[in-house]
Amino acid sequence: MRLRAWIVVLTAMAVVAGGVAAWAFTIAGPGKRPVPGLSAAAETRPRATATPSRPRPRSSPPAGPVIEVAGAPGGVKAKGAVLADAATGQVLWGRDVGTERPMASVTKVMTALLVLEGGDLGRQIRVPRAAFNYAWKYGGETAALRPGDVLTAQELLEALLLPSGADAAYTLANAYGPGLTAFVARMNATAAQMGMEHTYFTSPDGLPYPTETSTYSTPSDLLTLGRAAMRYPAFRAIVGQRFYHLPKGPGHHQYWWDNTDELIGSYQGAIGIKTGYTDDAGHCLLFEAARNGRSLIGVVLDSPATGPAAGAQDAEKMLNWGFRLRDAN
């Protein structure tokens, strides 16, 4: 009995010393569930939804010209948003920047980033029939890829990022994982390495399963993701296009893919990045634009579904305000 009593005392002391970290470790372990359609091995992580999370500082104060912030953009309806200087990372304005929310197809930016990090964009990849079945089963947007077609990784990135093809996401994840389960694990590992501690993926495309909120992020984390992706010239070249035409060639059919980003071609200086929408996520947009030597990058999450361009309308208000700001002397 004396030995057991000492064990109880020592355990209590360890818990007190460990504080919140020990408690967080305890709740983070159990409760994971298999994801339908992902080989039953990709798992969801419990979410803390009672209070908004707080973004972690990621770097030292930005170098270079600092923008003088005055006021705030008006009329932005998104529940979560952030606007920053793309070059320095200086945050100019935000709303609930650390609150976890579903981000729908903005997820595909992480999928593209892993493919780009893998290199060899000339890699030949055959579109599996399972890609068609997957997109149809979960009601995802598609690039209308034809099973059996052989496309390069570069061409599949076009299909992923412009028409937001879930079939392209499946094809790339299957090739680069290899398999969806391994690829999703890499997505989460990469997010952790990047300091995106309030981001979690259950798919390579952001489709709402096993629940509408299983894949989530924050405006702050997505800002980090967007800046990382836009450092790749190949990524910038893709997301800045209004459309992409792939003529019929050896081993594949002809394709024509339009960009779902309403800013491209309509907002002066818009150069990307990626849209997203589900009923629960609302309209989401990771965006960047450049004018007069200044590049601004931002995120809107859950803009009200007033129309297909709801996210772009919020982004435009933020950008207009941001471009009016002056550099601090």
C-alpha atoms as a PDB file:
ATOM      1  CA  MET A   1       0.000   0.000   0.000  1.00  0.00           C
ATOM      2  CA  ARG A   2       2.864   2.403   0.815  1.00  0.00           C
ATOM      3  CA  LEU A   3       4.412   1.830  -2.635  1.00  0.00           C
ATOM      4  CA  ARG A   4       1.080   2.450  -4.373  1.00  0.00           C
ATOM      5  CA  ALA A   5       0.594   5.622  -2.337  1.00  0.00           C
ATOM      6  CA  TRP A   6       3.985   6.957  -3.463  1.00  0.00           C
ATOM      7  CA  ILE A   7       3.102   6.137  -7.089  1.00  0.00           C
ATOM      8  CA  VAL A   8      -0.112   8.157  -6.781  1.00  0.00           C
ATOM      9  CA  VAL A   9       1.797  11.107  -5.284  1.00  0.00           C
ATOM     10  CA  LEU A  10       4.508  11.015  -7.962  1.00  0.00           C
ATOM     11  CA  THR A  11       1.889  10.744 -10.732  1.00  0.00           C
ATOM     12  CA  ALA A  12       0.029  13.770  -9.398  1.00  0.00           C
ATOM     13  CA  MET A  13       3.269  15.755  -9.281  1.00  0.00           C
ATOM     14  CA  ALA A  14       4.048  14.815 -12.894  1.00  0.00           C
ATOM     15  CA  VAL A  15       0.611  15.914 -14.048  1.00  0.00           C
ATOM     16  CA  VAL A  16       0.966  19.273 -12.299  1.00  0.00           C
ATOM     17  CA  ALA A  17       4.444  19.762 -13.785  1.00  0.00           C
ATOM     18  CA  GLY A  18       3.268  18.783 -17.226  1.00  0.00           C
ATOM     19  CA  GLY A  19       0.356  21.235 -17.164  1.00  0.00           C
ATOM     20  CA  VAL A  20      -1.540  21.845 -20.335  1.00  0.00           C
ATOM     21  CA  ALA A  21       0.964  19.955 -22.498  1.00  0.00           C
ATOM     22  CA  ALA A  22       0.248  16.682 -20.677  1.00  0.00           C
ATOM     23  CA  TRP A  23      -3.502  17.233 -20.986  1.00  0.00           C
ATOM     24  CA  ALA A  24      -3.221  18.073 -24.691  1.00  0.00           C
ATOM     25  CA  PHE A  25      -1.221  14.903 -25.358  1.00  0.00           C
ATOM     26  CA  THR A  26      -3.861  12.822 -23.601  1.00  0.00           C
ATOM     27  CA  ILE A  27      -6.804  14.122 -25.635  1.00  0.00           C
ATOM     28  CA  ALA A  28      -4.992  14.084 -28.977  1.00  0.00           C
ATOM     29  CA  GLY A  29      -4.479  10.347 -29.082  1.00  0.00           C
ATOM     30  CA  PRO A  30      -7.809   8.472 -29.087  1.00  0.00           C
ATOM     31  CA  GLY A  31     -10.965   8.967 -31.078  1.00  0.00           C
ATOM     32  CA  LYS A  32      -9.622   8.703 -34.625  1.00  0.00           C
ATOM     33  CA  ARG A  33     -11.894   7.194 -37.249  1.00  0.00           C
ATOM     34  CA  PRO A  34     -11.200   5.679 -40.658  1.00  0.00           C
ATOM     35  CA  VAL A  35     -12.112   7.825 -43.664  1.00  0.00           C
ATOM     36  CA  PRO A  36     -14.469   6.203 -46.210  1.00  0.00           C
ATOM     37  CA  GLY A  37     -12.898   5.932 -49.648  1.00  0.00           C
ATOM     38  CA  LEU A  38      -9.311   6.359 -48.454  1.00  0.00           C
ATOM     39  CA  SER A  39      -8.359   2.717 -47.926  1.00  0.00           C
ATOM     40  CA  ALA A  40      -9.818   3.068 -44.421  1.00  0.00           C
ATOM     41  CA  ALA A  41      -6.404   4.177 -43.194  1.00  0.00           C
ATOM     42  CA  ALA A  42      -6.358   7.972 -43.421  1.00  0.00           C
ATOM     43  CA  GLU A  43      -7.742   9.237 -40.130  1.00  0.00           C
ATOM     44  CA  THR A  44      -9.402  12.322 -38.705  1.00  0.00           C
ATOM     45  CA  ARG A  45      -8.064  14.271 -35.773  1.00  0.00           C
ATOM     46  CA  PRO A  46     -10.258  15.555 -32.922  1.00  0.00           C
ATOM     47  CA  ARG A  47     -10.871  19.273 -33.159  1.00  0.00           C
ATOM     48  CA  ALA A  48     -11.014  21.799 -30.358  1.00  0.00           C
ATOM     49  CA  THR A  49     -13.930  24.010 -31.380  1.00  0.00           C
ATOM     50  CA  ALA A  50     -14.906  25.695 -28.126  1.00  0.00           C
ATOM     51  CA  THR A  51     -12.505  28.609 -28.601  1.00  0.00           C
ATOM     52  CA  PRO A  52     -10.605  29.951 -31.598  1.00  0.00           C
ATOM     53  CA  SER A  53      -7.011  28.817 -31.870  1.00  0.00           C
ATOM     54  CA  ARG A  54      -4.188  31.334 -31.855  1.00  0.00           C
ATOM     55  CA  PRO A  55      -1.625  31.536 -34.663  1.00  0.00           C
ATOM     56  CA  ARG A  56       1.954  30.746 -33.710  1.00  0.00           C
ATOM     57  CA  PRO A  57       4.628  33.328 -34.576  1.00  0.00           C
ATOM     58  CA  ARG A  58       6.643  31.795 -37.408  1.00  0.00           C
ATOM     59  CA  SER A  59       9.486  34.180 -38.088  1.00  0.00           C
ATOM     60  CA  SER A  60      11.317  37.336 -37.108  1.00  0.00           C
ATOM     61  CA  PRO A  61       9.837  40.734 -38.043  1.00  0.00           C
ATOM     62  CA  PRO A  62       9.624  41.177 -41.822  1.00  0.00           C
ATOM     63  CA  ALA A  63      12.582  42.664 -43.624  1.00  0.00           C
ATOM     64  CA  GLY A  64      12.284  45.292 -46.318  1.00  0.00           C
ATOM     65  CA  PRO A  65       9.743  48.102 -46.649  1.00  0.00           C
ATOM     66  CA  VAL A  66       7.072  48.061 -43.951  1.00  0.00           C
ATOM     67  CA  ILE A  67       3.575  49.110 -44.903  1.00  0.00           C
ATOM     68  CA  GLU A  68       1.847  51.700 -42.736  1.00  0.00           C
ATOM     69  CA  VAL A  69      -1.552  50.317 -41.743  1.00  0.00           C
ATOM     70  CA  ALA A  70      -4.498  52.674 -41.354  1.00  0.00           C
ATOM     71  CA  GLY A  71      -8.103  51.631 -40.887  1.00  0.00           C
ATOM     72  CA  ALA A  72      -9.525  48.363 -42.212  1.00  0.00           C
ATOM     73  CA  PRO A  73     -11.206  47.102 -45.378  1.00  0.00           C
ATOM     74  CA  GLY A  74     -14.939  47.689 -45.404  1.00  0.00           C
ATOM     75  CA  GLY A  75     -17.741  45.326 -46.366  1.00  0.00           C
ATOM     76  CA  VAL A  76     -15.826  42.043 -46.032  1.00  0.00           C
ATOM     77  CA  LYS A  77     -18.360  39.341 -45.164  1.00  0.00           C
ATOM     78  CA  ALA A  78     -16.052  36.322 -44.800  1.00  0.00           C
ATOM     79  CA  LYS A  79     -15.995  34.820 -41.303  1.00  0.00           C
ATOM     80  CA  GLY A  80     -12.237  34.289 -41.484  1.00  0.00           C
ATOM     81  CA  ALA A  81      -9.798  36.433 -43.451  1.00  0.00           C
ATOM     82  CA  VAL A  82      -6.275  37.776 -43.595  1.00  0.00           C
ATOM     83  CA  LEU A  83      -4.286  40.080 -45.891  1.00  0.00           C
ATOM     84  CA  ALA A  84      -0.497  40.364 -45.923  1.00  0.00           C
ATOM     85  CA  ASP A  85       2.439  41.690 -47.887  1.00  0.00           C
ATOM     86  CA  ALA A  86       3.497  38.710 -50.012  1.00  0.00           C
ATOM     87  CA  ALA A  87       7.178  39.630 -49.992  1.00  0.00           C
ATOM     88  CA  THR A  88       7.671  40.262 -46.270  1.00  0.00           C
ATOM     89  CA  GLY A  89       4.775  38.416 -44.660  1.00  0.00           C
ATOM     90  CA  GLN A  90       3.656  41.533 -42.790  1.00  0.00           C
ATOM     91  CA  VAL A  91       0.011  41.022 -41.824  1.00  0.00           C
ATOM     92  CA  LEU A  92      -2.007  44.103 -42.705  1.00  0.00           C
ATOM     93  CA  TRP A  93      -5.470  43.022 -41.541  1.00  0.00           C
ATOM     94  CA  GLY A  94      -7.215  39.932 -40.326  1.00  0.00           C
ATOM     95  CA  ARG A  95     -10.400  38.494 -38.895  1.00  0.00           C
ATOM     96  CA  ASP A  96     -10.333  35.355 -36.747  1.00  0.00           C
ATOM     97  CA  VAL A  97      -6.986  34.493 -38.314  1.00  0.00           C
ATOM     98  CA  GLY A  98      -6.395  31.541 -35.978  1.00  0.00           C
ATOM     99  CA  THR A  99      -9.872  29.999 -36.029  1.00  0.00           C
ATOM    100  CA  GLU A 100     -10.063  26.548 -37.629  1.00  0.00           C
ATOM    101  CA  ARG A 101     -12.546  26.300 -40.495  1.00  0.00           C
ATOM    102  CA  PRO A 102     -13.046  23.954 -43.468  1.00  0.00           C
ATOM    103  CA  MET A 103     -11.339  25.311 -46.593  1.00  0.00           C
ATOM    104  CA  ALA A 104     -12.726  22.976 -49.276  1.00  0.00           C
ATOM    105  CA  SER A 105     -10.644  22.847 -52.478  1.00  0.00           C
ATOM    106  CA  VAL A 106      -8.012  25.278 -51.228  1.00  0.00           C
ATOM    107  CA  THR A 107      -6.678  21.940 -49.918  1.00  0.00           C
ATOM    108  CA  LYS A 108      -5.397  21.257 -53.441  1.00  0.00           C
ATOM    109  CA  VAL A 109      -2.630  23.833 -52.967  1.00  0.00           C
ATOM    110  CA  MET A 110      -0.941  21.461 -50.523  1.00  0.00           C
ATOM    111  CA  THR A 111      -1.390  18.603 -53.012  1.00  0.00           C
ATOM    112  CA  ALA A 112       0.297  20.713 -55.689  1.00  0.00           C
ATOM    113  CA  LEU A 113       3.102  21.719 -53.315  1.00  0.00           C
ATOM    114  CA  LEU A 114       4.003  18.077 -52.617  1.00  0.00           C
ATOM    115  CA  VAL A 115       4.057  17.291 -56.349  1.00  0.00           C
ATOM    116  CA  LEU A 116       6.289  20.298 -56.997  1.00  0.00           C
ATOM    117  CA  GLU A 117       8.634  19.277 -54.210  1.00  0.00           C
ATOM    118  CA  GLY A 118       8.839  15.835 -55.798  1.00  0.00           C
ATOM    119  CA  GLY A 119      10.237  17.365 -58.980  1.00  0.00           C
ATOM    120  CA  ASP A 120      10.141  15.809 -62.471  1.00  0.00           C
ATOM    121  CA  LEU A 121       6.995  17.507 -63.766  1.00  0.00           C
ATOM    122  CA  GLY A 122       7.524  15.600 -67.010  1.00  0.00           C
ATOM    123  CA  ARG A 123       6.698  12.343 -65.233  1.00  0.00           C
ATOM    124  CA  GLN A 124       4.157  10.311 -67.216  1.00  0.00           C
ATOM    125  CA  ILE A 125       1.110   9.267 -65.157  1.00  0.00           C
ATOM    126  CA  ARG A 126      -1.806   7.143 -66.299  1.00  0.00           C
ATOM    127  CA  VAL A 127      -5.254   8.242 -65.143  1.00  0.00           C
ATOM    128  CA  PRO A 128      -6.819   5.285 -63.252  1.00  0.00           C
ATOM    129  CA  ARG A 129     -10.504   4.448 -63.551  1.00  0.00           C
ATOM    130  CA  ALA A 130     -10.651   4.774 -59.775  1.00  0.00           C
ATOM    131  CA  ALA A 131     -10.107   8.539 -60.179  1.00  0.00           C
ATOM    132  CA  PHE A 132     -13.391   8.846 -62.091  1.00  0.00           C
ATOM    133  CA  ASN A 133     -15.224   6.639 -59.583  1.00  0.00           C
ATOM    134  CA  TYR A 134     -13.808   8.605 -56.667  1.00  0.00           C
ATOM    135  CA  ALA A 135     -14.878  12.019 -57.960  1.00  0.00           C
ATOM    136  CA  TRP A 136     -18.330  10.735 -58.926  1.00  0.00           C
ATOM    137  CA  LYS A 137     -18.884   9.008 -55.566  1.00  0.00           C
ATOM    138  CA  TYR A 138     -18.124  12.106 -53.503  1.00  0.00           C
ATOM    139  CA  GLY A 139     -19.618  14.684 -55.853  1.00  0.00           C
ATOM    140  CA  GLY A 140     -16.384  16.537 -56.481  1.00  0.00           C
ATOM    141  CA  GLU A 141     -15.575  18.929 -59.303  1.00  0.00           C
ATOM    142  CA  THR A 142     -13.679  17.196 -62.077  1.00  0.00           C
ATOM    143  CA  ALA A 143     -11.345  17.966 -64.937  1.00  0.00           C
ATOM    144  CA  ALA A 144     -13.225  15.318 -66.961  1.00  0.00           C
ATOM    145  CA  LEU A 145     -10.097  13.178 -67.161  1.00  0.00           C
ATOM    146  CA  ARG A 146     -10.455  10.089 -69.299  1.00  0.00           C
ATOM    147  CA  PRO A 147      -9.409   6.830 -67.616  1.00  0.00           C
ATOM    148  CA  GLY A 148      -6.395   5.375 -69.395  1.00  0.00           C
ATOM    149  CA  ASP A 149      -5.085   8.723 -70.636  1.00  0.00           C
ATOM    150  CA  VAL A 150      -1.403   9.333 -69.941  1.00  0.00           C
ATOM    151  CA  LEU A 151      -0.595  12.890 -68.857  1.00  0.00           C
ATOM    152  CA  THR A 152       2.474  14.538 -67.386  1.00  0.00           C
ATOM    153  CA  ALA A 153       2.567  15.686 -63.777  1.00  0.00           C
ATOM    154  CA  GLN A 154       2.632  19.256 -65.111  1.00  0.00           C
ATOM    155  CA  GLU A 155      -0.562  18.681 -67.101  1.00  0.00           C
ATOM    156  CA  LEU A 156      -2.242  17.061 -64.116  1.00  0.00           C
ATOM    157  CA  LEU A 157      -1.356  20.112 -62.017  1.00  0.00           C
ATOM    158  CA  GLU A 158      -3.184  22.221 -64.604  1.00  0.00           C
ATOM    159  CA  ALA A 159      -6.196  19.914 -64.192  1.00  0.00           C
ATOM    160  CA  LEU A 160      -5.910  20.112 -60.413  1.00  0.00           C
ATOM    161  CA  LEU A 161      -5.581  23.869 -59.973  1.00  0.00           C
ATOM    162  CA  LEU A 162      -7.643  25.427 -62.774  1.00  0.00           C
ATOM    163  CA  PRO A 163     -10.941  23.461 -62.939  1.00  0.00           C
ATOM    164  CA  SER A 164     -10.269  22.097 -59.420  1.00  0.00           C
ATOM    165  CA  GLY A 165     -10.390  18.481 -60.539  1.00  0.00           C
ATOM    166  CA  ALA A 166     -10.877  15.933 -57.761  1.00  0.00           C
ATOM    167  CA  ASP A 167     -10.025  13.308 -60.378  1.00  0.00           C
ATOM    168  CA  ALA A 168      -6.650  15.027 -60.902  1.00  0.00           C
ATOM    169  CA  ALA A 169      -6.095  15.171 -57.131  1.00  0.00           C
ATOM    170  CA  TYR A 170      -6.763  11.438 -56.860  1.00  0.00           C
ATOM    171  CA  THR A 171      -4.468  10.646 -59.803  1.00  0.00           C
ATOM    172  CA  LEU A 172      -1.573  12.704 -58.419  1.00  0.00           C
ATOM    173  CA  ALA A 173      -1.970  11.451 -54.850  1.00  0.00           C
ATOM    174  CA  ASN A 174      -2.160   7.866 -56.037  1.00  0.00           C
ATOM    175  CA  ALA A 175       1.074   8.299 -58.009  1.00  0.00           C
ATOM    176  CA  TYR A 176       3.056  10.341 -55.495  1.00  0.00           C
ATOM    177  CA  GLY A 177       1.925   8.696 -52.247  1.00  0.00           C
ATOM    178  CA  PRO A 178       2.047   6.121 -53.546  1.00  0.00           C
ATOM    179  CA  GLY A 179      -1.635   5.708 -52.697  1.00  0.00           C
ATOM    180  CA  LEU A 180      -4.028   8.161 -51.066  1.00  0.00           C
ATOM    181  CA  THR A 181      -3.358   7.077 -47.486  1.00  0.00           C
ATOM    182  CA  ALA A 182       0.388   7.665 -47.738  1.00  0.00           C
ATOM    183  CA  PHE A 183      -0.107  10.931 -49.613  1.00  0.00           C
ATOM    184  CA  VAL A 184      -2.514  12.352 -47.010  1.00  0.00           C
ATOM    185  CA  ALA A 185      -0.025  11.394 -44.295  1.00  0.00           C
ATOM    186  CA  ARG A 186       2.640  13.358 -46.176  1.00  0.00           C
ATOM    187  CA  MET A 187       0.292  16.347 -46.438  1.00  0.00           C
ATOM    188  CA  ASN A 188      -0.137  16.431 -42.661  1.00  0.00           C
ATOM    189  CA  ALA A 189       3.566  15.880 -42.017  1.00  0.00           C
ATOM    190  CA  THR A 190       4.453  18.743 -44.360  1.00  0.00           C
ATOM    191  CA  ALA A 191       1.892  21.031 -42.718  1.00  0.00           C
ATOM    192  CA  ALA A 192       3.460  20.298 -39.342  1.00  0.00           C
ATOM    193  CA  GLN A 193       6.961  21.007 -40.685  1.00  0.00           C
ATOM    194  CA  MET A 194       5.745  24.339 -42.053  1.00  0.00           C
ATOM    195  CA  GLY A 195       4.345  25.364 -38.671  1.00  0.00           C
ATOM    196  CA  MET A 196       0.727  25.006 -39.824  1.00  0.00           C
ATOM    197  CA  GLU A 197      -0.301  23.615 -36.458  1.00  0.00           C
ATOM    198  CA  HIS A 198      -4.019  24.305 -36.892  1.00  0.00           C
ATOM    199  CA  THR A 199      -4.363  22.501 -40.215  1.00  0.00           C
ATOM    200  CA  TYR A 200      -5.445  18.916 -40.862  1.00  0.00           C
ATOM    201  CA  PHE A 201      -6.125  16.995 -44.073  1.00  0.00           C
ATOM    202  CA  THR A 202      -8.218  13.888 -44.669  1.00  0.00           C
ATOM    203  CA  SER A 203      -8.037  13.979 -48.472  1.00  0.00           C
ATOM    204  CA  PRO A 204      -5.963  15.489 -51.291  1.00  0.00           C
ATOM    205  CA  ASP A 205      -8.898  17.590 -52.515  1.00  0.00           C
ATOM    206  CA  GLY A 206     -10.937  18.961 -49.589  1.00  0.00           C
ATOM    207  CA  LEU A 207     -14.120  17.002 -50.289  1.00  0.00           C
ATOM    208  CA  PRO A 208     -16.403  17.006 -47.205  1.00  0.00           C
ATOM    209  CA  TYR A 209     -15.916  13.537 -45.751  1.00  0.00           C
ATOM    210  CA  PRO A 210     -16.202  11.859 -43.372  1.00  0.00           C
ATOM    211  CA  THR A 211     -17.769  15.148 -42.237  1.00  0.00           C
ATOM    212  CA  GLU A 212     -17.976  18.672 -43.636  1.00  0.00           C
ATOM    213  CA  THR A 213     -15.327  19.866 -41.181  1.00  0.00           C
ATOM    214  CA  SER A 214     -12.850  16.961 -41.200  1.00  0.00           C
ATOM    215  CA  THR A 215     -10.321  18.873 -43.316  1.00  0.00           C
ATOM    216  CA  TYR A 216      -9.660  22.308 -41.880  1.00  0.00           C
ATOM    217  CA  SER A 217      -7.191  25.149 -41.578  1.00  0.00           C
ATOM    218  CA  THR A 218      -6.969  28.799 -40.556  1.00  0.00           C
ATOM    219  CA  PRO A 219      -6.389  31.999 -42.511  1.00  0.00           C
ATOM    220  CA  SER A 220      -2.970  32.297 -40.859  1.00  0.00           C
ATOM    221  CA  ASP A 221      -1.914  28.770 -41.821  1.00  0.00           C
ATOM    222  CA  LEU A 222      -3.182  29.116 -45.386  1.00  0.00           C
ATOM    223  CA  LEU A 223      -1.198  32.329 -45.730  1.00  0.00           C
ATOM    224  CA  THR A 224       1.905  30.274 -44.976  1.00  0.00           C
ATOM    225  CA  LEU A 225       0.869  27.644 -47.522  1.00  0.00           C
ATOM    226  CA  GLY A 226       0.147  30.188 -50.235  1.00  0.00           C
ATOM    227  CA  ARG A 227       3.476  31.978 -49.838  1.00  0.00           C
ATOM    228  CA  ALA A 228       5.323  28.645 -50.023  1.00  0.00           C
ATOM    229  CA  ALA A 229       3.497  27.515 -53.171  1.00  0.00           C
ATOM    230  CA  MET A 230       3.938  30.827 -54.971  1.00  0.00           C
ATOM    231  CA  ARG A 231       7.715  30.511 -54.668  1.00  0.00           C
ATOM    232  CA  TYR A 232       7.545  27.862 -57.398  1.00  0.00           C
ATOM    233  CA  PRO A 233       7.549  29.440 -60.891  1.00  0.00           C
ATOM    234  CA  ALA A 234       5.614  26.459 -62.287  1.00  0.00           C
ATOM    235  CA  PHE A 235       2.851  26.969 -59.716  1.00  0.00           C
ATOM    236  CA  ARG A 236       2.673  30.719 -60.366  1.00  0.00           C
ATOM    237  CA  ALA A 237       2.445  30.112 -64.098  1.00  0.00           C
ATOM    238  CA  ILE A 238      -0.494  27.737 -63.697  1.00  0.00           C
ATOM    239  CA  VAL A 239      -2.658  29.670 -61.224  1.00  0.00           C
ATOM    240  CA  GLY A 240      -2.270  32.950 -63.111  1.00  0.00           C
ATOM    241  CA  GLN A 241      -3.925  31.598 -66.289  1.00  0.00           C
ATOM    242  CA  ARG A 242      -7.532  32.153 -67.307  1.00  0.00           C
ATOM    243  CA  PHE A 243      -7.601  28.802 -69.094  1.00  0.00           C
ATOM    244  CA  TYR A 244      -5.401  25.999 -70.382  1.00  0.00           C
ATOM    245  CA  HIS A 245      -5.788  24.045 -73.598  1.00  0.00           C
ATOM    246  CA  LEU A 246      -4.153  20.656 -74.016  1.00  0.00           C
ATOM    247  CA  PRO A 247      -4.430  19.460 -77.634  1.00  0.00           C
ATOM    248  CA  LYS A 248      -4.998  15.800 -78.321  1.00  0.00           C
ATOM    249  CA  GLY A 249      -1.709  13.951 -78.359  1.00  0.00           C
ATOM    250  CA  PRO A 250      -0.148  10.498 -78.144  1.00  0.00           C
ATOM    251  CA  GLY A 251      -1.825   8.679 -75.270  1.00  0.00           C
ATOM    252  CA  HIS A 252      -4.398  11.302 -74.303  1.00  0.00           C
ATOM    253  CA  HIS A 253      -7.510  13.156 -75.410  1.00  0.00           C
ATOM    254  CA  GLN A 254      -7.915  16.909 -75.860  1.00  0.00           C
ATOM    255  CA  TYR A 255      -8.716  18.988 -72.758  1.00  0.00           C
ATOM    256  CA  TRP A 256      -9.778  22.549 -72.088  1.00  0.00           C
ATOM    257  CA  TRP A 257      -9.719  23.783 -68.497  1.00  0.00           C
ATOM    258  CA  ASP A 258     -10.994  27.163 -67.251  1.00  0.00           C
ATOM    259  CA  ASN A 259      -9.751  28.791 -64.055  1.00  0.00           C
ATOM    260  CA  THR A 260     -12.396  28.849 -61.304  1.00  0.00           C
ATOM    261  CA  ASP A 261     -10.757  31.936 -59.725  1.00  0.00           C
ATOM    262  CA  GLU A 262     -13.038  34.866 -60.542  1.00  0.00           C
ATOM    263  CA  LEU A 263     -10.248  37.376 -59.908  1.00  0.00           C
ATOM    264  CA  ILE A 264      -8.097  36.141 -62.779  1.00  0.00           C
ATOM    265  CA  GLY A 265      -8.804  38.247 -65.835  1.00  0.00           C
ATOM    266  CA  SER A 266     -11.191  40.576 -64.011  1.00  0.00           C
ATOM    267  CA  TYR A 267      -9.105  42.149 -61.240  1.00  0.00           C
ATOM    268  CA  GLN A 268      -6.077  44.171 -62.293  1.00  0.00           C
ATOM    269  CA  GLY A 269      -2.893  42.481 -61.151  1.00  0.00           C
ATOM    270  CA  ALA A 270      -4.471  39.217 -59.951  1.00  0.00           C
ATOM    271  CA  ILE A 271      -1.983  36.332 -60.242  1.00  0.00           C
ATOM    272  CA  GLY A 272      -3.674  33.464 -58.327  1.00  0.00           C
ATOM    273  CA  ILE A 273      -4.288  31.322 -56.352  1.00  0.00           C
ATOM    274  CA  LYS A 274      -7.113  28.826 -55.567  1.00  0.00           C
ATOM    275  CA  THR A 275     -10.847  28.692 -54.916  1.00  0.00           C
ATOM    276  CA  GLY A 276     -12.869  26.365 -52.721  1.00  0.00           C
ATOM    277  CA  TYR A 277     -16.524  25.744 -51.908  1.00  0.00           C
ATOM    278  CA  THR A 278     -18.722  23.343 -49.961  1.00  0.00           C
ATOM    279  CA  ASP A 279     -22.008  23.995 -48.191  1.00  0.00           C
ATOM    280  CA  ASP A 280     -20.311  24.124 -44.789  1.00  0.00           C
ATOM    281  CA  ALA A 281     -17.092  25.856 -45.870  1.00  0.00           C
ATOM    282  CA  GLY A 282     -18.879  28.546 -47.849  1.00  0.00           C
ATOM    283  CA  HIS A 283     -16.861  30.355 -50.501  1.00  0.00           C
ATOM    284  CA  CYS A 284     -13.121  30.211 -49.839  1.00  0.00           C
ATOM    285  CA  LEU A 285     -10.281  31.830 -51.732  1.00  0.00           C
ATOM    286  CA  LEU A 286      -6.514  31.958 -51.376  1.00  0.00           C
ATOM    287  CA  PHE A 287      -5.456  34.886 -53.565  1.00  0.00           C
ATOM    288  CA  GLU A 288      -2.570  37.104 -54.607  1.00  0.00           C
ATOM    289  CA  ALA A 289      -2.319  40.260 -56.701  1.00  0.00           C
ATOM    290  CA  ALA A 290       0.474  42.653 -57.648  1.00  0.00           C
ATOM    291  CA  ARG A 291       0.346  46.354 -58.466  1.00  0.00           C
ATOM    292  CA  ASN A 292       2.976  49.082 -58.646  1.00  0.00           C
ATOM    293  CA  GLY A 293       5.717  46.935 -57.191  1.00  0.00           C
ATOM    294  CA  ARG A 294       3.634  45.632 -54.273  1.00  0.00           C
ATOM    295  CA  SER A 295       2.310  42.084 -54.010  1.00  0.00           C
ATOM    296  CA  LEU A 296      -0.483  41.287 -51.564  1.00  0.00           C
ATOM    297  CA  ILE A 297      -1.593  37.801 -50.578  1.00  0.00           C
ATOM    298  CA  GLY A 298      -4.697  36.905 -48.627  1.00  0.00           C
ATOM    299  CA  VAL A 299      -7.302  34.381 -47.617  1.00  0.00           C
ATOM    300  CA  VAL A 300     -11.064  34.440 -47.168  1.00  0.00           C
ATOM    301  CA  LEU A 301     -12.879  31.531 -45.518  1.00  0.00           C
ATOM    302  CA  ASP A 302     -16.650  31.136 -45.430  1.00  0.00           C
ATOM    303  CA  SER A 303     -17.812  34.082 -47.478  1.00  0.00           C
ATOM    304  CA  PRO A 304     -21.635  33.861 -47.577  1.00  0.00           C
ATOM    305  CA  ALA A 305     -22.996  31.975 -50.566  1.00  0.00           C
ATOM    306  CA  THR A 306     -24.525  35.000 -52.286  1.00  0.00           C
ATOM    307  CA  GLY A 307     -23.132  33.909 -55.666  1.00  0.00           C
ATOM    308  CA  PRO A 308     -20.229  32.064 -57.264  1.00  0.00           C
ATOM    309  CA  ALA A 309     -17.975  35.115 -56.948  1.00  0.00           C
ATOM    310  CA  ALA A 310     -18.652  35.784 -53.239  1.00  0.00           C
ATOM    311  CA  GLY A 311     -15.087  34.944 -52.198  1.00  0.00           C
ATOM    312  CA  ALA A 312     -13.627  37.051 -54.997  1.00  0.00           C
ATOM    313  CA  GLN A 313     -15.788  40.012 -53.993  1.00  0.00           C
ATOM    314  CA  ASP A 314     -14.455  39.903 -50.443  1.00  0.00           C
ATOM    315  CA  ALA A 315     -10.913  39.515 -51.748  1.00  0.00           C
ATOM    316  CA  GLU A 316     -11.324  42.519 -54.040  1.00  0.00           C
ATOM    317  CA  LYS A 317     -12.391  44.742 -51.129  1.00  0.00           C
ATOM    318  CA  MET A 318      -9.367  43.632 -49.119  1.00  0.00           C
ATOM    319  CA  LEU A 319      -6.974  44.148 -52.016  1.00  0.00           C
ATOM    320  CA  ASN A 320      -8.337  47.586 -52.908  1.00  0.00           C
ATOM    321  CA  TRP A 321      -7.795  48.682 -49.326  1.00  0.00           C
ATOM    322  CA  GLY A 322      -4.348  47.117 -49.140  1.00  0.00           C
ATOM    323  CA  PHE A 323      -3.087  48.746 -52.323  1.00  0.00           C
ATOM    324  CA  ARG A 324      -4.110  52.173 -50.997  1.00  0.00           C
ATOM    325  CA  LEU A 325      -1.819  51.842 -47.983  1.00  0.00           C
ATOM    326  CA  ARG A 326       1.521  53.652 -47.986  1.00  0.00           C
ATOM    327  CA  ASP A 327       4.976  52.360 -47.231  1.00  0.00           C
ATOM    328  CA  ALA A 328       6.198  53.534 -43.825  1.00  0.00           C
ATOM    329  CA  ASN A 329       9.118  55.940 -43.945  1.00  0.00           C
END
